[in-house]
PDB file of N, CA and C in Angstrom:
ATOM      1  N   MET A   1     246.647 121.314 231.644  1.00  0.00           N
ATOM      2  CA  MET A   1     247.731 121.234 230.677  1.00  0.00           C
ATOM      3  C   MET A   1     247.559 119.987 229.817  1.00  0.00           C
ATOM      4  N   ALA A   2     248.022 120.067 228.595  1.00  0.00           N
ATOM      5  CA  ALA A   2     247.887 118.949 227.663  1.00  0.00           C
ATOM      6  C   ALA A   2     248.780 117.776 228.099  1.00  0.00           C
ATOM      7  N   ASN A   3     248.284 116.570 227.839  1.00  0.00           N
ATOM      8  CA  ASN A   3     248.998 115.373 228.259  1.00  0.00           C
ATOM      9  C   ASN A   3     249.724 114.660 227.120  1.00  0.00           C
ATOM     10  N   HIS A   4     249.430 115.017 225.889  1.00  0.00           N
ATOM     11  CA  HIS A   4     250.002 114.302 224.751  1.00  0.00           C
ATOM     12  C   HIS A   4     250.864 115.239 223.910  1.00  0.00           C
ATOM     13  N   LYS A   5     251.858 114.647 223.253  1.00  0.00           N
ATOM     14  CA  LYS A   5     252.725 115.435 222.373  1.00  0.00           C
ATOM     15  C   LYS A   5     251.909 116.094 221.268  1.00  0.00           C
ATOM     16  N   SER A   6     250.960 115.346 220.719  1.00  0.00           N
ATOM     17  CA  SER A   6     250.163 115.878 219.619  1.00  0.00           C
ATOM     18  C   SER A   6     249.308 117.061 220.082  1.00  0.00           C
ATOM     19  N   ALA A   7     248.831 117.013 221.317  1.00  0.00           N
ATOM     20  CA  ALA A   7     248.044 118.129 221.846  1.00  0.00           C
ATOM     21  C   ALA A   7     248.913 119.366 222.032  1.00  0.00           C
ATOM     22  N   LEU A   8     250.153 119.158 222.477  1.00  0.00           N
ATOM     23  CA  LEU A   8     251.073 120.291 222.616  1.00  0.00           C
ATOM     24  C   LEU A   8     251.377 120.912 221.266  1.00  0.00           C
ATOM     25  N   LYS A   9     251.578 120.057 220.264  1.00  0.00           N
ATOM     26  CA  LYS A   9     251.842 120.571 218.923  1.00  0.00           C
ATOM     27  C   LYS A   9     250.626 121.325 218.395  1.00  0.00           C
ATOM     28  N   ARG A  10     249.430 120.792 218.660  1.00  0.00           N
ATOM     29  CA  ARG A  10     248.206 121.462 218.215  1.00  0.00           C
ATOM     30  C   ARG A  10     248.087 122.838 218.843  1.00  0.00           C
ATOM     31  N   ILE A  11     248.437 122.968 220.108  1.00  0.00           N
ATOM     32  CA  ILE A  11     248.394 124.268 220.786  1.00  0.00           C
ATOM     33  C   ILE A  11     249.354 125.244 220.116  1.00  0.00           C
ATOM     34  N   ARG A  12     250.579 124.762 219.810  1.00  0.00           N
ATOM     35  CA  ARG A  12     251.561 125.635 219.157  1.00  0.00           C
ATOM     36  C   ARG A  12     251.085 126.062 217.778  1.00  0.00           C
ATOM     37  N   SER A  13     250.581 125.111 217.004  1.00  0.00           N
ATOM     38  CA  SER A  13     250.159 125.447 215.633  1.00  0.00           C
ATOM     39  C   SER A  13     248.928 126.357 215.642  1.00  0.00           C
ATOM     40  N   ASN A  14     248.019 126.146 216.595  1.00  0.00           N
ATOM     41  CA  ASN A  14     246.842 127.023 216.692  1.00  0.00           C
ATOM     42  C   ASN A  14     247.258 128.450 217.010  1.00  0.00           C
ATOM     43  N   ASN A  15     248.230 128.610 217.891  1.00  0.00           N
ATOM     44  CA  ASN A  15     248.702 129.957 218.223  1.00  0.00           C
ATOM     45  C   ASN A  15     249.348 130.631 217.023  1.00  0.00           C
ATOM     46  N   ALA A  16     250.135 129.871 216.264  1.00  0.00           N
ATOM     47  CA  ALA A  16     250.787 130.436 215.076  1.00  0.00           C
ATOM     48  C   ALA A  16     249.739 130.846 214.043  1.00  0.00           C
ATOM     49  N   LYS A  17     248.745 130.005 213.818  1.00  0.00           N
ATOM     50  CA  LYS A  17     247.693 130.323 212.847  1.00  0.00           C
ATOM     51  C   LYS A  17     246.859 131.512 213.311  1.00  0.00           C
ATOM     52  N   ARG A  18     246.602 131.570 214.623  1.00  0.00           N
ATOM     53  CA  ARG A  18     245.825 132.676 215.179  1.00  0.00           C
ATOM     54  C   ARG A  18     246.528 134.010 214.940  1.00  0.00           C
ATOM     55  N   LEU A  19     247.833 134.047 215.158  1.00  0.00           N
ATOM     56  CA  LEU A  19     248.583 135.282 214.936  1.00  0.00           C
ATOM     57  C   LEU A  19     248.543 135.704 213.474  1.00  0.00           C
ATOM     58  N   LEU A  20     248.704 134.743 212.568  1.00  0.00           N
ATOM     59  CA  LEU A  20     248.663 135.055 211.142  1.00  0.00           C
ATOM     60  C   LEU A  20     247.282 135.556 210.736  1.00  0.00           C
ATOM     61  N   ASN A  21     246.229 134.902 211.232  1.00  0.00           N
ATOM     62  CA  ASN A  21     244.863 135.332 210.910  1.00  0.00           C
ATOM     63  C   ASN A  21     244.588 136.732 211.438  1.00  0.00           C
ATOM     64  N   ARG A  22     245.038 137.018 212.655  1.00  0.00           N
ATOM     65  CA  ARG A  22     244.830 138.348 213.228  1.00  0.00           C
ATOM     66  C   ARG A  22     245.569 139.408 212.415  1.00  0.00           C
ATOM     67  N   TYR A  23     246.798 139.107 212.002  1.00  0.00           N
ATOM     68  CA  TYR A  23     247.584 140.043 211.202  1.00  0.00           C
ATOM     69  C   TYR A  23     246.881 140.340 209.875  1.00  0.00           C
ATOM     70  N   GLN A  24     246.427 139.297 209.192  1.00  0.00           N
ATOM     71  CA  GLN A  24     245.781 139.485 207.893  1.00  0.00           C
ATOM     72  C   GLN A  24     244.448 140.215 208.029  1.00  0.00           C
ATOM     73  N   ALA A  25     243.683 139.910 209.070  1.00  0.00           N
ATOM     74  CA  ALA A  25     242.405 140.586 209.285  1.00  0.00           C
ATOM     75  C   ALA A  25     242.628 142.065 209.592  1.00  0.00           C
ATOM     76  N   LYS A  26     243.631 142.362 210.401  1.00  0.00           N
ATOM     77  CA  LYS A  26     243.924 143.754 210.759  1.00  0.00           C
ATOM     78  C   LYS A  26     244.404 144.530 209.541  1.00  0.00           C
ATOM     79  N   THR A  27     245.241 143.899 208.719  1.00  0.00           N
ATOM     80  CA  THR A  27     245.721 144.547 207.505  1.00  0.00           C
ATOM     81  C   THR A  27     244.553 144.865 206.572  1.00  0.00           C
ATOM     82  N   THR A  28     243.621 143.928 206.459  1.00  0.00           N
ATOM     83  CA  THR A  28     242.456 144.144 205.601  1.00  0.00           C
ATOM     84  C   THR A  28     241.612 145.297 206.128  1.00  0.00           C
ATOM     85  N   ARG A  29     241.400 145.345 207.442  1.00  0.00           N
ATOM     86  CA  ARG A  29     240.626 146.447 208.018  1.00  0.00           C
ATOM     87  C   ARG A  29     241.302 147.787 207.760  1.00  0.00           C
ATOM     88  N   THR A  30     242.627 147.820 207.810  1.00  0.00           N
ATOM     89  CA  THR A  30     243.360 149.050 207.536  1.00  0.00           C
ATOM     90  C   THR A  30     243.143 149.500 206.092  1.00  0.00           C
ATOM     91  N   PHE A  31     243.178 148.545 205.157  1.00  0.00           N
ATOM     92  CA  PHE A  31     242.952 148.878 203.756  1.00  0.00           C
ATOM     93  C   PHE A  31     241.527 149.353 203.519  1.00  0.00           C
ATOM     94  N   VAL A  32     240.560 148.769 204.230  1.00  0.00           N
ATOM     95  CA  VAL A  32     239.165 149.207 204.099  1.00  0.00           C
ATOM     96  C   VAL A  32     239.041 150.654 204.563  1.00  0.00           C
ATOM     97  N   LYS A  33     239.676 150.988 205.681  1.00  0.00           N
ATOM     98  CA  LYS A  33     239.642 152.367 206.183  1.00  0.00           C
ATOM     99  C   LYS A  33     240.297 153.321 205.192  1.00  0.00           C
ATOM    100  N   ARG A  34     241.416 152.879 204.609  1.00  0.00           N
ATOM    101  CA  ARG A  34     242.118 153.708 203.633  1.00  0.00           C
ATOM    102  C   ARG A  34     241.219 153.968 202.423  1.00  0.00           C
ATOM    103  N   LEU A  35     240.488 152.940 201.992  1.00  0.00           N
ATOM    104  CA  LEU A  35     239.566 153.087 200.860  1.00  0.00           C
ATOM    105  C   LEU A  35     238.429 154.034 201.208  1.00  0.00           C
ATOM    106  N   ARG A  36     237.891 153.906 202.413  1.00  0.00           N
ATOM    107  CA  ARG A  36     236.779 154.770 202.829  1.00  0.00           C
ATOM    108  C   ARG A  36     237.190 156.242 202.892  1.00  0.00           C
ATOM    109  N   ASN A  37     238.461 156.509 203.173  1.00  0.00           N
ATOM    110  CA  ASN A  37     238.940 157.884 203.284  1.00  0.00           C
ATOM    111  C   ASN A  37     239.406 158.458 201.954  1.00  0.00           C
ATOM    112  N   THR A  38     239.330 157.666 200.891  1.00  0.00           N
ATOM    113  CA  THR A  38     239.788 158.121 199.581  1.00  0.00           C
ATOM    114  C   THR A  38     238.708 158.977 198.925  1.00  0.00           C
ATOM    115  N   THR A  39     239.146 160.054 198.253  1.00  0.00           N
ATOM    116  CA  THR A  39     238.203 160.906 197.537  1.00  0.00           C
ATOM    117  C   THR A  39     238.393 160.820 196.029  1.00  0.00           C
ATOM    118  N   ASP A  40     239.530 160.317 195.584  1.00  0.00           N
ATOM    119  CA  ASP A  40     239.809 160.187 194.160  1.00  0.00           C
ATOM    120  C   ASP A  40     239.242 158.859 193.648  1.00  0.00           C
ATOM    121  N   LYS A  41     238.429 158.938 192.591  1.00  0.00           N
ATOM    122  CA  LYS A  41     237.749 157.731 192.098  1.00  0.00           C
ATOM    123  C   LYS A  41     238.719 156.714 191.512  1.00  0.00           C
ATOM    124  N   ALA A  42     239.696 157.161 190.743  1.00  0.00           N
ATOM    125  CA  ALA A  42     240.640 156.234 190.122  1.00  0.00           C
ATOM    126  C   ALA A  42     241.439 155.477 191.183  1.00  0.00           C
ATOM    127  N   GLU A  43     241.890 156.203 192.188  1.00  0.00           N
ATOM    128  CA  GLU A  43     242.636 155.570 193.272  1.00  0.00           C
ATOM    129  C   GLU A  43     241.733 154.599 194.053  1.00  0.00           C
ATOM    130  N   ALA A  44     240.476 154.992 194.246  1.00  0.00           N
ATOM    131  CA  ALA A  44     239.530 154.149 194.975  1.00  0.00           C
ATOM    132  C   ALA A  44     239.254 152.852 194.216  1.00  0.00           C
ATOM    133  N   GLN A  45     239.173 152.938 192.896  1.00  0.00           N
ATOM    134  CA  GLN A  45     238.919 151.731 192.103  1.00  0.00           C
ATOM    135  C   GLN A  45     240.085 150.750 192.212  1.00  0.00           C
ATOM    136  N   GLU A  46     241.308 151.264 192.194  1.00  0.00           N
ATOM    137  CA  GLU A  46     242.475 150.396 192.346  1.00  0.00           C
ATOM    138  C   GLU A  46     242.504 149.766 193.742  1.00  0.00           C
ATOM    139  N   LEU A  47     242.228 150.585 194.763  1.00  0.00           N
ATOM    140  CA  LEU A  47     242.208 150.067 196.131  1.00  0.00           C
ATOM    141  C   LEU A  47     241.100 149.033 196.301  1.00  0.00           C
ATOM    142  N   PHE A  48     239.966 149.255 195.639  1.00  0.00           N
ATOM    143  CA  PHE A  48     238.837 148.326 195.765  1.00  0.00           C
ATOM    144  C   PHE A  48     239.207 146.939 195.247  1.00  0.00           C
ATOM    145  N   LYS A  49     239.964 146.881 194.154  1.00  0.00           N
ATOM    146  CA  LYS A  49     240.411 145.586 193.636  1.00  0.00           C
ATOM    147  C   LYS A  49     241.249 144.844 194.684  1.00  0.00           C
ATOM    148  N   THR A  50     242.150 145.588 195.304  1.00  0.00           N
ATOM    149  CA  THR A  50     243.010 144.985 196.326  1.00  0.00           C
ATOM    150  C   THR A  50     242.202 144.517 197.525  1.00  0.00           C
ATOM    151  N   VAL A  51     241.330 145.391 198.006  1.00  0.00           N
ATOM    152  CA  VAL A  51     240.555 145.094 199.208  1.00  0.00           C
ATOM    153  C   VAL A  51     239.602 143.928 198.977  1.00  0.00           C
ATOM    154  N   SER A  52     238.964 143.876 197.814  1.00  0.00           N
ATOM    155  CA  SER A  52     238.021 142.786 197.560  1.00  0.00           C
ATOM    156  C   SER A  52     238.750 141.441 197.518  1.00  0.00           C
ATOM    157  N   GLY A  53     239.960 141.431 196.982  1.00  0.00           N
ATOM    158  CA  GLY A  53     240.753 140.207 196.993  1.00  0.00           C
ATOM    159  C   GLY A  53     241.138 139.788 198.399  1.00  0.00           C
ATOM    160  N   MET A  54     241.489 140.767 199.222  1.00  0.00           N
ATOM    161  CA  MET A  54     241.848 140.461 200.607  1.00  0.00           C
ATOM    162  C   MET A  54     240.653 139.894 201.367  1.00  0.00           C
ATOM    163  N   LEU A  55     239.475 140.490 201.149  1.00  0.00           N
ATOM    164  CA  LEU A  55     238.270 140.005 201.824  1.00  0.00           C
ATOM    165  C   LEU A  55     237.930 138.590 201.376  1.00  0.00           C
ATOM    166  N   ASP A  56     238.092 138.329 200.071  1.00  0.00           N
ATOM    167  CA  ASP A  56     237.814 136.985 199.557  1.00  0.00           C
ATOM    168  C   ASP A  56     238.755 135.950 200.179  1.00  0.00           C
ATOM    169  N   LYS A  57     240.017 136.307 200.329  1.00  0.00           N
ATOM    170  CA  LYS A  57     240.975 135.376 200.937  1.00  0.00           C
ATOM    171  C   LYS A  57     240.615 135.076 202.386  1.00  0.00           C
ATOM    172  N   LEU A  58     240.212 136.120 203.133  1.00  0.00           N
ATOM    173  CA  LEU A  58     239.832 135.907 204.526  1.00  0.00           C
ATOM    174  C   LEU A  58     238.598 135.017 204.622  1.00  0.00           C
ATOM    175  N   ALA A  59     237.649 135.211 203.713  1.00  0.00           N
ATOM    176  CA  ALA A  59     236.439 134.389 203.725  1.00  0.00           C
ATOM    177  C   ALA A  59     236.756 132.957 203.329  1.00  0.00           C
ATOM    178  N   LYS A  60     237.651 132.787 202.371  1.00  0.00           N
ATOM    179  CA  LYS A  60     238.011 131.439 201.916  1.00  0.00           C
ATOM    180  C   LYS A  60     238.649 130.638 203.043  1.00  0.00           C
ATOM    181  N   LYS A  61     239.434 131.313 203.879  1.00  0.00           N
ATOM    182  CA  LYS A  61     240.128 130.635 204.971  1.00  0.00           C
ATOM    183  C   LYS A  61     239.315 130.639 206.266  1.00  0.00           C
ATOM    184  N   ASN A  62     238.045 131.067 206.184  1.00  0.00           N
ATOM    185  CA  ASN A  62     237.130 131.099 207.328  1.00  0.00           C
ATOM    186  C   ASN A  62     237.624 131.985 208.464  1.00  0.00           C
ATOM    187  N   VAL A  63     238.377 133.021 208.141  1.00  0.00           N
ATOM    188  CA  VAL A  63     238.755 133.993 209.159  1.00  0.00           C
ATOM    189  C   VAL A  63     237.555 134.900 209.423  1.00  0.00           C
ATOM    190  N   ILE A  64     236.855 135.278 208.349  1.00  0.00           N
ATOM    191  CA  ILE A  64     235.578 135.981 208.463  1.00  0.00           C
ATOM    192  C   ILE A  64     234.542 135.176 207.694  1.00  0.00           C
ATOM    193  N   HIS A  65     233.277 135.419 207.977  1.00  0.00           N
ATOM    194  CA  HIS A  65     232.205 134.692 207.298  1.00  0.00           C
ATOM    195  C   HIS A  65     232.089 135.186 205.867  1.00  0.00           C
ATOM    196  N   LYS A  66     231.696 134.299 204.963  1.00  0.00           N
ATOM    197  CA  LYS A  66     231.612 134.670 203.549  1.00  0.00           C
ATOM    198  C   LYS A  66     230.568 135.751 203.326  1.00  0.00           C
ATOM    199  N   ASN A  67     229.492 135.764 204.111  1.00  0.00           N
ATOM    200  CA  ASN A  67     228.470 136.795 203.946  1.00  0.00           C
ATOM    201  C   ASN A  67     228.973 138.159 204.426  1.00  0.00           C
ATOM    202  N   LYS A  68     229.817 138.158 205.436  1.00  0.00           N
ATOM    203  CA  LYS A  68     230.417 139.417 205.900  1.00  0.00           C
ATOM    204  C   LYS A  68     231.324 139.991 204.822  1.00  0.00           C
ATOM    205  N   ALA A  69     232.092 139.125 204.170  1.00  0.00           N
ATOM    206  CA  ALA A  69     232.964 139.577 203.087  1.00  0.00           C
ATOM    207  C   ALA A  69     232.127 140.143 201.945  1.00  0.00           C
ATOM    208  N   ALA A  70     231.052 139.442 201.588  1.00  0.00           N
ATOM    209  CA  ALA A  70     230.186 139.906 200.501  1.00  0.00           C
ATOM    210  C   ALA A  70     229.527 141.226 200.862  1.00  0.00           C
ATOM    211  N   ASN A  71     229.104 141.352 202.113  1.00  0.00           N
ATOM    212  CA  ASN A  71     228.466 142.580 202.575  1.00  0.00           C
ATOM    213  C   ASN A  71     229.444 143.753 202.513  1.00  0.00           C
ATOM    214  N   ASN A  72     230.660 143.542 202.989  1.00  0.00           N
ATOM    215  CA  ASN A  72     231.677 144.599 202.948  1.00  0.00           C
ATOM    216  C   ASN A  72     231.993 144.997 201.514  1.00  0.00           C
ATOM    217  N   LYS A  73     232.147 144.018 200.628  1.00  0.00           N
ATOM    218  CA  LYS A  73     232.460 144.314 199.227  1.00  0.00           C
ATOM    219  C   LYS A  73     231.331 145.103 198.574  1.00  0.00           C
ATOM    220  N   SER A  74     230.095 144.739 198.889  1.00  0.00           N
ATOM    221  CA  SER A  74     228.946 145.430 198.321  1.00  0.00           C
ATOM    222  C   SER A  74     228.913 146.895 198.753  1.00  0.00           C
ATOM    223  N   LYS A  75     229.119 147.124 200.046  1.00  0.00           N
ATOM    224  CA  LYS A  75     229.103 148.498 200.560  1.00  0.00           C
ATOM    225  C   LYS A  75     230.241 149.320 199.984  1.00  0.00           C
ATOM    226  N   LEU A  76     231.418 148.700 199.864  1.00  0.00           N
ATOM    227  CA  LEU A  76     232.559 149.419 199.312  1.00  0.00           C
ATOM    228  C   LEU A  76     232.362 149.718 197.827  1.00  0.00           C
ATOM    229  N   ALA A  77     231.744 148.788 197.096  1.00  0.00           N
ATOM    230  CA  ALA A  77     231.482 149.005 195.672  1.00  0.00           C
ATOM    231  C   ALA A  77     230.517 150.178 195.501  1.00  0.00           C
ATOM    232  N   ARG A  78     229.487 150.237 196.349  1.00  0.00           N
ATOM    233  CA  ARG A  78     228.557 151.357 196.279  1.00  0.00           C
ATOM    234  C   ARG A  78     229.253 152.659 196.601  1.00  0.00           C
ATOM    235  N   PHE A  79     230.157 152.638 197.572  1.00  0.00           N
ATOM    236  CA  PHE A  79     230.911 153.834 197.932  1.00  0.00           C
ATOM    237  C   PHE A  79     231.764 154.315 196.763  1.00  0.00           C
ATOM    238  N   VAL A  80     232.474 153.382 196.119  1.00  0.00           N
ATOM    239  CA  VAL A  80     233.357 153.737 195.000  1.00  0.00           C
ATOM    240  C   VAL A  80     232.537 154.310 193.847  1.00  0.00           C
ATOM    241  N   ASN A  81     231.346 153.738 193.600  1.00  0.00           N
ATOM    242  CA  ASN A  81     230.507 154.215 192.503  1.00  0.00           C
ATOM    243  C   ASN A  81     229.927 155.602 192.759  1.00  0.00           C
ATOM    244  N   THR A  82     229.795 155.999 194.007  1.00  0.00           N
ATOM    245  CA  THR A  82     229.245 157.335 194.301  1.00  0.00           C
ATOM    246  C   THR A  82     230.295 158.433 194.195  1.00  0.00           C
ATOM    247  N   LEU A  83     231.573 158.059 194.175  1.00  0.00           N
ATOM    248  CA  LEU A  83     232.622 159.075 194.078  1.00  0.00           C
ATOM    249  C   LEU A  83     232.568 159.754 192.713  1.00  0.00           C
ATOM    250  N   ALA A  84     232.819 161.044 192.730  1.00  0.00           N
ATOM    251  CA  ALA A  84     232.866 161.802 191.483  1.00  0.00           C
ATOM    252  C   ALA A  84     234.238 161.625 190.844  1.00  0.00           C
ATOM    253  N   ALA A  85     234.238 161.501 189.536  1.00  0.00           N
ATOM    254  CA  ALA A  85     235.512 161.353 188.819  1.00  0.00           C
ATOM    255  C   ALA A  85     236.304 162.636 188.947  1.00  0.00           C
ATOM    256  N   ALA A  86     237.587 162.506 189.298  1.00  0.00           N
ATOM    257  CA  ALA A  86     238.413 163.706 189.507  1.00  0.00           C
ATOM    258  C   ALA A  86     239.241 164.005 188.273  1.00  0.00           C
TER     259      ALA A  86
END
């Protein structure tokens, strides 16, 4: 167990940040799945803007690695470009 007040506070703040990071990462994964299941190109393009911003935010805050974010965005961009215009 922690012996200092500052260590106890650090434990509390780490837990709060961990929960927020997990929530944001899970939300982003849900949006990625929603984009992957989309068949309409116009809707996919709008979702891609949202998802790419979410991935960038996660990478900026070091929740995910910046190369993972870039890799996901690249794959999603290729997916959106292969969709036929409806």
